[in-house]
Amino acid sequence: EGRMGLIAVLNEECVRPRGNDTAFVSKVYAMNKENATLIQDKFYRDYEFGINHYAGQVVYDANSFVQKNMDTLPTDLLECIKKSSNSLIC
């Protein structure tokens, strides 16, 4: 498949009948192995991932990401995401 951004992977996981947060995090890691922005740490739980932001490393807890993403996003926000130059976002 190749590399996909966080939003695309999350949206894909939301349409799966048994989509869940742990599967989302696993797919993010699998599809973005070479992306230096994404941090993998052996001490992270199955539902955690890290991102190197401009201000430093941030660890995200993906619990409820899939459930919360079931809501629809405003179209202007979707357009901004599509125009992003950051490959992890778009």
PDB file of N, CA and C in Angstrom:
ATOM      1  N   GLU A   1       0.796  -1.193   0.000  1.00  0.00           N
ATOM      2  CA  GLU A   1       0.000   0.000   0.000  1.00  0.00           C
ATOM      3  C   GLU A   1       0.838   1.256   0.000  1.00  0.00           C
ATOM      4  N   GLY A   2       1.794   1.396   0.847  1.00  0.00           N
ATOM      5  CA  GLY A   2       2.574   2.616   0.877  1.00  0.00           C
ATOM      6  C   GLY A   2       2.199   3.493   2.048  1.00  0.00           C
ATOM      7  N   ARG A   3       2.813   4.650   2.084  1.00  0.00           N
ATOM      8  CA  ARG A   3       2.651   5.553   3.220  1.00  0.00           C
ATOM      9  C   ARG A   3       1.325   6.305   3.153  1.00  0.00           C
ATOM     10  N   MET A   4       0.674   6.402   4.304  1.00  0.00           N
ATOM     11  CA  MET A   4      -0.568   7.168   4.419  1.00  0.00           C
ATOM     12  C   MET A   4      -0.457   8.060   5.648  1.00  0.00           C
ATOM     13  N   GLY A   5      -1.099   9.223   5.598  1.00  0.00           N
ATOM     14  CA  GLY A   5      -1.098  10.126   6.729  1.00  0.00           C
ATOM     15  C   GLY A   5      -2.032   9.656   7.830  1.00  0.00           C
ATOM     16  N   LEU A   6      -1.920  10.279   8.988  1.00  0.00           N
ATOM     17  CA  LEU A   6      -2.717   9.889  10.147  1.00  0.00           C
ATOM     18  C   LEU A   6      -4.226   9.973   9.896  1.00  0.00           C
ATOM     19  N   ILE A   7      -4.655  11.047   9.269  1.00  0.00           N
ATOM     20  CA  ILE A   7      -6.084  11.242   9.035  1.00  0.00           C
ATOM     21  C   ILE A   7      -6.623  10.175   8.091  1.00  0.00           C
ATOM     22  N   ALA A   8      -5.887   9.866   7.027  1.00  0.00           N
ATOM     23  CA  ALA A   8      -6.321   8.839   6.078  1.00  0.00           C
ATOM     24  C   ALA A   8      -6.410   7.467   6.743  1.00  0.00           C
ATOM     25  N   VAL A   9      -5.431   7.136   7.566  1.00  0.00           N
ATOM     26  CA  VAL A   9      -5.440   5.845   8.266  1.00  0.00           C
ATOM     27  C   VAL A   9      -6.604   5.795   9.257  1.00  0.00           C
ATOM     28  N   LEU A  10      -6.837   6.880   9.971  1.00  0.00           N
ATOM     29  CA  LEU A  10      -7.935   6.931  10.932  1.00  0.00           C
ATOM     30  C   LEU A  10      -9.278   6.789  10.224  1.00  0.00           C
ATOM     31  N   ASN A  11      -9.446   7.492   9.123  1.00  0.00           N
ATOM     32  CA  ASN A  11     -10.699   7.384   8.368  1.00  0.00           C
ATOM     33  C   ASN A  11     -10.914   5.964   7.866  1.00  0.00           C
ATOM     34  N   GLU A  12      -9.853   5.329   7.413  1.00  0.00           N
ATOM     35  CA  GLU A  12      -9.950   3.942   6.944  1.00  0.00           C
ATOM     36  C   GLU A  12     -10.357   3.014   8.091  1.00  0.00           C
ATOM     37  N   GLU A  13      -9.795   3.225   9.245  1.00  0.00           N
ATOM     38  CA  GLU A  13     -10.107   2.373  10.397  1.00  0.00           C
ATOM     39  C   GLU A  13     -11.557   2.577  10.851  1.00  0.00           C
ATOM     40  N   CYS A  14     -12.087   3.769  10.669  1.00  0.00           N
ATOM     41  CA  CYS A  14     -13.465   4.062  11.073  1.00  0.00           C
ATOM     42  C   CYS A  14     -14.500   3.330  10.221  1.00  0.00           C
ATOM     43  N   VAL A  15     -14.181   3.048   8.980  1.00  0.00           N
ATOM     44  CA  VAL A  15     -15.149   2.374   8.112  1.00  0.00           C
ATOM     45  C   VAL A  15     -15.064   0.852   8.221  1.00  0.00           C
ATOM     46  N   ARG A  16     -14.049   0.348   8.890  1.00  0.00           N
ATOM     47  CA  ARG A  16     -13.936  -1.095   9.100  1.00  0.00           C
ATOM     48  C   ARG A  16     -14.945  -1.524  10.155  1.00  0.00           C
ATOM     49  N   PRO A  17     -15.601  -2.658   9.953  1.00  0.00           N
ATOM     50  CA  PRO A  17     -16.623  -3.107  10.914  1.00  0.00           C
ATOM     51  C   PRO A  17     -16.108  -3.243  12.348  1.00  0.00           C
ATOM     52  N   ARG A  18     -14.891  -3.691  12.517  1.00  0.00           N
ATOM     53  CA  ARG A  18     -14.334  -3.841  13.864  1.00  0.00           C
ATOM     54  C   ARG A  18     -13.100  -2.956  14.051  1.00  0.00           C
ATOM     55  N   GLY A  19     -13.123  -1.801  13.439  1.00  0.00           N
ATOM     56  CA  GLY A  19     -12.004  -0.874  13.568  1.00  0.00           C
ATOM     57  C   GLY A  19     -11.792  -0.479  15.016  1.00  0.00           C
ATOM     58  N   ASN A  20     -10.517  -0.345  15.401  1.00  0.00           N
ATOM     59  CA  ASN A  20     -10.236   0.020  16.788  1.00  0.00           C
ATOM     60  C   ASN A  20      -8.953   0.829  16.875  1.00  0.00           C
ATOM     61  N   ASP A  21      -8.709   1.383  18.039  1.00  0.00           N
ATOM     62  CA  ASP A  21      -7.589   2.297  18.250  1.00  0.00           C
ATOM     63  C   ASP A  21      -6.230   1.605  18.135  1.00  0.00           C
ATOM     64  N   THR A  22      -6.132   0.396  18.649  1.00  0.00           N
ATOM     65  CA  THR A  22      -4.871  -0.341  18.580  1.00  0.00           C
ATOM     66  C   THR A  22      -4.510  -0.660  17.133  1.00  0.00           C
ATOM     67  N   ALA A  23      -5.489  -1.062  16.343  1.00  0.00           N
ATOM     68  CA  ALA A  23      -5.244  -1.339  14.928  1.00  0.00           C
ATOM     69  C   ALA A  23      -4.830  -0.057  14.199  1.00  0.00           C
ATOM     70  N   PHE A  24      -5.450   1.055  14.565  1.00  0.00           N
ATOM     71  CA  PHE A  24      -5.084   2.345  13.972  1.00  0.00           C
ATOM     72  C   PHE A  24      -3.599   2.638  14.204  1.00  0.00           C
ATOM     73  N   VAL A  25      -3.150   2.524  15.451  1.00  0.00           N
ATOM     74  CA  VAL A  25      -1.749   2.815  15.778  1.00  0.00           C
ATOM     75  C   VAL A  25      -0.818   1.850  15.046  1.00  0.00           C
ATOM     76  N   SER A  26      -1.175   0.574  14.993  1.00  0.00           N
ATOM     77  CA  SER A  26      -0.347  -0.417  14.289  1.00  0.00           C
ATOM     78  C   SER A  26      -0.203  -0.063  12.812  1.00  0.00           C
ATOM     79  N   LYS A  27      -1.288   0.350  12.198  1.00  0.00           N
ATOM     80  CA  LYS A  27      -1.243   0.714  10.776  1.00  0.00           C
ATOM     81  C   LYS A  27      -0.423   1.983  10.542  1.00  0.00           C
ATOM     82  N   VAL A  28      -0.529   2.940  11.452  1.00  0.00           N
ATOM     83  CA  VAL A  28       0.271   4.163  11.328  1.00  0.00           C
ATOM     84  C   VAL A  28       1.759   3.809  11.323  1.00  0.00           C
ATOM     85  N   TYR A  29       2.164   2.957  12.258  1.00  0.00           N
ATOM     86  CA  TYR A  29       3.563   2.531  12.314  1.00  0.00           C
ATOM     87  C   TYR A  29       3.964   1.754  11.063  1.00  0.00           C
ATOM     88  N   ALA A  30       3.123   0.839  10.636  1.00  0.00           N
ATOM     89  CA  ALA A  30       3.446  -0.001   9.481  1.00  0.00           C
ATOM     90  C   ALA A  30       3.579   0.810   8.198  1.00  0.00           C
ATOM     91  N   MET A  31       2.740   1.811   8.038  1.00  0.00           N
ATOM     92  CA  MET A  31       2.718   2.578   6.793  1.00  0.00           C
ATOM     93  C   MET A  31       3.677   3.763   6.792  1.00  0.00           C
ATOM     94  N   ASN A  32       4.266   4.091   7.925  1.00  0.00           N
ATOM     95  CA  ASN A  32       5.146   5.262   8.014  1.00  0.00           C
ATOM     96  C   ASN A  32       6.480   4.922   8.668  1.00  0.00           C
ATOM     97  N   LYS A  33       6.998   3.746   8.397  1.00  0.00           N
ATOM     98  CA  LYS A  33       8.243   3.282   9.018  1.00  0.00           C
ATOM     99  C   LYS A  33       9.414   4.220   8.788  1.00  0.00           C
ATOM    100  N   GLU A  34       9.495   4.808   7.631  1.00  0.00           N
ATOM    101  CA  GLU A  34      10.636   5.640   7.261  1.00  0.00           C
ATOM    102  C   GLU A  34      10.455   7.115   7.610  1.00  0.00           C
ATOM    103  N   ASN A  35       9.319   7.488   8.168  1.00  0.00           N
ATOM    104  CA  ASN A  35       9.035   8.884   8.466  1.00  0.00           C
ATOM    105  C   ASN A  35       9.664   9.254   9.814  1.00  0.00           C
ATOM    106  N   ALA A  36      10.629  10.158   9.785  1.00  0.00           N
ATOM    107  CA  ALA A  36      11.351  10.559  11.000  1.00  0.00           C
ATOM    108  C   ALA A  36      10.477  11.346  11.972  1.00  0.00           C
ATOM    109  N   THR A  37       9.355  11.855  11.512  1.00  0.00           N
ATOM    110  CA  THR A  37       8.447  12.604  12.379  1.00  0.00           C
ATOM    111  C   THR A  37       7.729  11.680  13.356  1.00  0.00           C
ATOM    112  N   LEU A  38       7.519  10.443  12.946  1.00  0.00           N
ATOM    113  CA  LEU A  38       6.830   9.472  13.785  1.00  0.00           C
ATOM    114  C   LEU A  38       7.831   8.765  14.695  1.00  0.00           C
ATOM    115  N   ILE A  39       7.514   8.706  15.982  1.00  0.00           N
ATOM    116  CA  ILE A  39       8.417   8.102  16.967  1.00  0.00           C
ATOM    117  C   ILE A  39       7.854   6.758  17.417  1.00  0.00           C
ATOM    118  N   GLN A  40       8.697   5.746  17.372  1.00  0.00           N
ATOM    119  CA  GLN A  40       8.331   4.431  17.901  1.00  0.00           C
ATOM    120  C   GLN A  40       9.190   4.177  19.132  1.00  0.00           C
ATOM    121  N   ASP A  41       8.569   3.800  20.214  1.00  0.00           N
ATOM    122  CA  ASP A  41       9.288   3.549  21.452  1.00  0.00           C
ATOM    123  C   ASP A  41       8.780   2.249  22.049  1.00  0.00           C
ATOM    124  N   LYS A  42       9.684   1.393  22.469  1.00  0.00           N
ATOM    125  CA  LYS A  42       9.268   0.093  23.007  1.00  0.00           C
ATOM    126  C   LYS A  42       8.491   0.212  24.312  1.00  0.00           C
ATOM    127  N   PHE A  43       8.532   1.375  24.942  1.00  0.00           N
ATOM    128  CA  PHE A  43       7.802   1.571  26.189  1.00  0.00           C
ATOM    129  C   PHE A  43       6.384   2.104  25.972  1.00  0.00           C
ATOM    130  N   TYR A  44       6.041   2.452  24.727  1.00  0.00           N
ATOM    131  CA  TYR A  44       4.682   2.905  24.431  1.00  0.00           C
ATOM    132  C   TYR A  44       3.722   1.721  24.540  1.00  0.00           C
ATOM    133  N   ARG A  45       2.527   2.010  24.974  1.00  0.00           N
ATOM    134  CA  ARG A  45       1.476   0.992  24.975  1.00  0.00           C
ATOM    135  C   ARG A  45       0.986   0.787  23.542  1.00  0.00           C
ATOM    136  N   ASP A  46       0.175  -0.233  23.319  1.00  0.00           N
ATOM    137  CA  ASP A  46      -0.315  -0.551  21.970  1.00  0.00           C
ATOM    138  C   ASP A  46      -1.122   0.582  21.346  1.00  0.00           C
ATOM    139  N   TYR A  47      -1.683   1.447  22.149  1.00  0.00           N
ATOM    140  CA  TYR A  47      -2.528   2.528  21.654  1.00  0.00           C
ATOM    141  C   TYR A  47      -1.831   3.898  21.736  1.00  0.00           C
ATOM    142  N   GLU A  48      -0.517   3.918  21.878  1.00  0.00           N
ATOM    143  CA  GLU A  48       0.232   5.179  21.954  1.00  0.00           C
ATOM    144  C   GLU A  48       1.213   5.304  20.786  1.00  0.00           C
ATOM    145  N   PHE A  49       1.429   6.533  20.371  1.00  0.00           N
ATOM    146  CA  PHE A  49       2.441   6.825  19.358  1.00  0.00           C
ATOM    147  C   PHE A  49       2.995   8.215  19.634  1.00  0.00           C
ATOM    148  N   GLY A  50       4.174   8.486  19.115  1.00  0.00           N
ATOM    149  CA  GLY A  50       4.805   9.778  19.327  1.00  0.00           C
ATOM    150  C   GLY A  50       5.063  10.495  18.020  1.00  0.00           C
ATOM    151  N   ILE A  51       5.068  11.813  18.091  1.00  0.00           N
ATOM    152  CA  ILE A  51       5.364  12.656  16.933  1.00  0.00           C
ATOM    153  C   ILE A  51       6.359  13.721  17.358  1.00  0.00           C
ATOM    154  N   ASN A  52       7.381  13.926  16.534  1.00  0.00           N
ATOM    155  CA  ASN A  52       8.339  15.009  16.746  1.00  0.00           C
ATOM    156  C   ASN A  52       7.747  16.290  16.183  1.00  0.00           C
ATOM    157  N   HIS A  53       7.259  17.152  17.065  1.00  0.00           N
ATOM    158  CA  HIS A  53       6.738  18.455  16.663  1.00  0.00           C
ATOM    159  C   HIS A  53       7.879  19.466  16.726  1.00  0.00           C
ATOM    160  N   TYR A  54       7.646  20.662  16.229  1.00  0.00           N
ATOM    161  CA  TYR A  54       8.678  21.706  16.245  1.00  0.00           C
ATOM    162  C   TYR A  54       9.128  22.006  17.680  1.00  0.00           C
ATOM    163  N   ALA A  55       8.223  21.844  18.646  1.00  0.00           N
ATOM    164  CA  ALA A  55       8.554  22.160  20.030  1.00  0.00           C
ATOM    165  C   ALA A  55       9.063  20.953  20.810  1.00  0.00           C
ATOM    166  N   GLY A  56       9.125  19.822  20.174  1.00  0.00           N
ATOM    167  CA  GLY A  56       9.624  18.626  20.843  1.00  0.00           C
ATOM    168  C   GLY A  56       8.736  17.417  20.633  1.00  0.00           C
ATOM    169  N   GLN A  57       9.068  16.358  21.336  1.00  0.00           N
ATOM    170  CA  GLN A  57       8.367  15.100  21.216  1.00  0.00           C
ATOM    171  C   GLN A  57       7.043  15.131  21.988  1.00  0.00           C
ATOM    172  N   VAL A  58       5.968  14.665  21.331  1.00  0.00           N
ATOM    173  CA  VAL A  58       4.657  14.579  21.967  1.00  0.00           C
ATOM    174  C   VAL A  58       4.162  13.144  21.819  1.00  0.00           C
ATOM    175  N   VAL A  59       3.703  12.559  22.927  1.00  0.00           N
ATOM    176  CA  VAL A  59       3.160  11.200  22.919  1.00  0.00           C
ATOM    177  C   VAL A  59       1.641  11.307  22.940  1.00  0.00           C
ATOM    178  N   TYR A  60       0.986  10.599  22.024  1.00  0.00           N
ATOM    179  CA  TYR A  60      -0.462  10.614  21.919  1.00  0.00           C
ATOM    180  C   TYR A  60      -1.041   9.301  22.418  1.00  0.00           C
ATOM    181  N   ASP A  61      -2.125   9.395  23.146  1.00  0.00           N
ATOM    182  CA  ASP A  61      -2.907   8.257  23.598  1.00  0.00           C
ATOM    183  C   ASP A  61      -4.089   8.155  22.637  1.00  0.00           C
ATOM    184  N   ALA A  62      -4.130   7.108  21.833  1.00  0.00           N
ATOM    185  CA  ALA A  62      -5.143   6.984  20.790  1.00  0.00           C
ATOM    186  C   ALA A  62      -6.445   6.354  21.275  1.00  0.00           C
ATOM    187  N   ASN A  63      -6.595   6.152  22.567  1.00  0.00           N
ATOM    188  CA  ASN A  63      -7.865   5.626  23.072  1.00  0.00           C
ATOM    189  C   ASN A  63      -9.006   6.538  22.655  1.00  0.00           C
ATOM    190  N   SER A  64     -10.020   5.971  22.057  1.00  0.00           N
ATOM    191  CA  SER A  64     -11.238   6.663  21.593  1.00  0.00           C
ATOM    192  C   SER A  64     -11.032   7.464  20.307  1.00  0.00           C
ATOM    193  N   PHE A  65      -9.862   7.390  19.667  1.00  0.00           N
ATOM    194  CA  PHE A  65      -9.668   8.102  18.397  1.00  0.00           C
ATOM    195  C   PHE A  65     -10.686   7.658  17.360  1.00  0.00           C
ATOM    196  N   VAL A  66     -10.873   6.348  17.219  1.00  0.00           N
ATOM    197  CA  VAL A  66     -11.792   5.831  16.196  1.00  0.00           C
ATOM    198  C   VAL A  66     -13.215   6.270  16.505  1.00  0.00           C
ATOM    199  N   GLN A  67     -13.638   6.120  17.734  1.00  0.00           N
ATOM    200  CA  GLN A  67     -14.997   6.501  18.124  1.00  0.00           C
ATOM    201  C   GLN A  67     -15.235   7.999  17.907  1.00  0.00           C
ATOM    202  N   LYS A  68     -14.281   8.825  18.324  1.00  0.00           N
ATOM    203  CA  LYS A  68     -14.435  10.280  18.185  1.00  0.00           C
ATOM    204  C   LYS A  68     -14.399  10.725  16.731  1.00  0.00           C
ATOM    205  N   ASN A  69     -13.737   9.963  15.871  1.00  0.00           N
ATOM    206  CA  ASN A  69     -13.616  10.340  14.468  1.00  0.00           C
ATOM    207  C   ASN A  69     -14.860   9.971  13.656  1.00  0.00           C
ATOM    208  N   MET A  70     -15.817   9.341  14.267  1.00  0.00           N
ATOM    209  CA  MET A  70     -17.041   8.987  13.550  1.00  0.00           C
ATOM    210  C   MET A  70     -17.857  10.226  13.190  1.00  0.00           C
ATOM    211  N   ASP A  71     -17.638  11.329  13.899  1.00  0.00           N
ATOM    212  CA  ASP A  71     -18.306  12.585  13.571  1.00  0.00           C
ATOM    213  C   ASP A  71     -17.740  13.113  12.260  1.00  0.00           C
ATOM    214  N   THR A  72     -18.520  13.865  11.530  1.00  0.00           N
ATOM    215  CA  THR A  72     -18.049  14.424  10.266  1.00  0.00           C
ATOM    216  C   THR A  72     -17.298  15.732  10.512  1.00  0.00           C
ATOM    217  N   LEU A  73     -16.277  15.967   9.703  1.00  0.00           N
ATOM    218  CA  LEU A  73     -15.499  17.197   9.787  1.00  0.00           C
ATOM    219  C   LEU A  73     -16.081  18.244   8.846  1.00  0.00           C
ATOM    220  N   PRO A  74     -15.976  19.501   9.221  1.00  0.00           N
ATOM    221  CA  PRO A  74     -16.415  20.559   8.309  1.00  0.00           C
ATOM    222  C   PRO A  74     -15.600  20.512   7.013  1.00  0.00           C
ATOM    223  N   THR A  75     -16.230  20.823   5.903  1.00  0.00           N
ATOM    224  CA  THR A  75     -15.569  20.720   4.605  1.00  0.00           C
ATOM    225  C   THR A  75     -14.349  21.639   4.500  1.00  0.00           C
ATOM    226  N   ASP A  76     -14.376  22.816   5.136  1.00  0.00           N
ATOM    227  CA  ASP A  76     -13.221  23.706   5.051  1.00  0.00           C
ATOM    228  C   ASP A  76     -12.004  23.095   5.758  1.00  0.00           C
ATOM    229  N   LEU A  77     -12.235  22.368   6.838  1.00  0.00           N
ATOM    230  CA  LEU A  77     -11.134  21.695   7.525  1.00  0.00           C
ATOM    231  C   LEU A  77     -10.583  20.551   6.676  1.00  0.00           C
ATOM    232  N   LEU A  78     -11.445  19.820   6.013  1.00  0.00           N
ATOM    233  CA  LEU A  78     -10.999  18.745   5.118  1.00  0.00           C
ATOM    234  C   LEU A  78     -10.148  19.299   3.978  1.00  0.00           C
ATOM    235  N   GLU A  79     -10.531  20.446   3.459  1.00  0.00           N
ATOM    236  CA  GLU A  79      -9.754  21.075   2.380  1.00  0.00           C
ATOM    237  C   GLU A  79      -8.367  21.489   2.887  1.00  0.00           C
ATOM    238  N   CYS A  80      -8.294  22.013   4.092  1.00  0.00           N
ATOM    239  CA  CYS A  80      -6.993  22.383   4.676  1.00  0.00           C
ATOM    240  C   CYS A  80      -6.104  21.157   4.828  1.00  0.00           C
ATOM    241  N   ILE A  81      -6.667  20.057   5.274  1.00  0.00           N
ATOM    242  CA  ILE A  81      -5.903  18.829   5.448  1.00  0.00           C
ATOM    243  C   ILE A  81      -5.355  18.355   4.105  1.00  0.00           C
ATOM    244  N   LYS A  82      -6.177  18.393   3.080  1.00  0.00           N
ATOM    245  CA  LYS A  82      -5.750  17.948   1.754  1.00  0.00           C
ATOM    246  C   LYS A  82      -4.626  18.806   1.195  1.00  0.00           C
ATOM    247  N   LYS A  83      -4.582  20.075   1.557  1.00  0.00           N
ATOM    248  CA  LYS A  83      -3.571  20.996   1.047  1.00  0.00           C
ATOM    249  C   LYS A  83      -2.289  21.010   1.872  1.00  0.00           C
ATOM    250  N   SER A  84      -2.265  20.280   2.969  1.00  0.00           N
ATOM    251  CA  SER A  84      -1.110  20.272   3.851  1.00  0.00           C
ATOM    252  C   SER A  84       0.108  19.692   3.137  1.00  0.00           C
ATOM    253  N   SER A  85       1.255  20.274   3.382  1.00  0.00           N
ATOM    254  CA  SER A  85       2.501  19.759   2.796  1.00  0.00           C
ATOM    255  C   SER A  85       3.152  18.703   3.676  1.00  0.00           C
ATOM    256  N   ASN A  86       2.608  18.492   4.873  1.00  0.00           N
ATOM    257  CA  ASN A  86       3.131  17.489   5.792  1.00  0.00           C
ATOM    258  C   ASN A  86       2.545  16.138   5.427  1.00  0.00           C
ATOM    259  N   SER A  87       3.382  15.192   5.020  1.00  0.00           N
ATOM    260  CA  SER A  87       2.899  13.893   4.556  1.00  0.00           C
ATOM    261  C   SER A  87       2.261  13.073   5.665  1.00  0.00           C
ATOM    262  N   LEU A  88       2.547  13.377   6.897  1.00  0.00           N
ATOM    263  CA  LEU A  88       1.936  12.649   8.002  1.00  0.00           C
ATOM    264  C   LEU A  88       0.490  13.092   8.223  1.00  0.00           C
ATOM    265  N   ILE A  89       0.154  14.292   7.820  1.00  0.00           N
ATOM    266  CA  ILE A  89      -1.191  14.831   7.995  1.00  0.00           C
ATOM    267  C   ILE A  89      -2.100  14.474   6.830  1.00  0.00           C
ATOM    268  N   CYS A  90      -1.643  14.699   5.616  1.00  0.00           N
ATOM    269  CA  CYS A  90      -2.509  14.495   4.452  1.00  0.00           C
ATOM    270  C   CYS A  90      -2.561  13.064   3.971  1.00  0.00           C
TER     271      CYS A  90
END
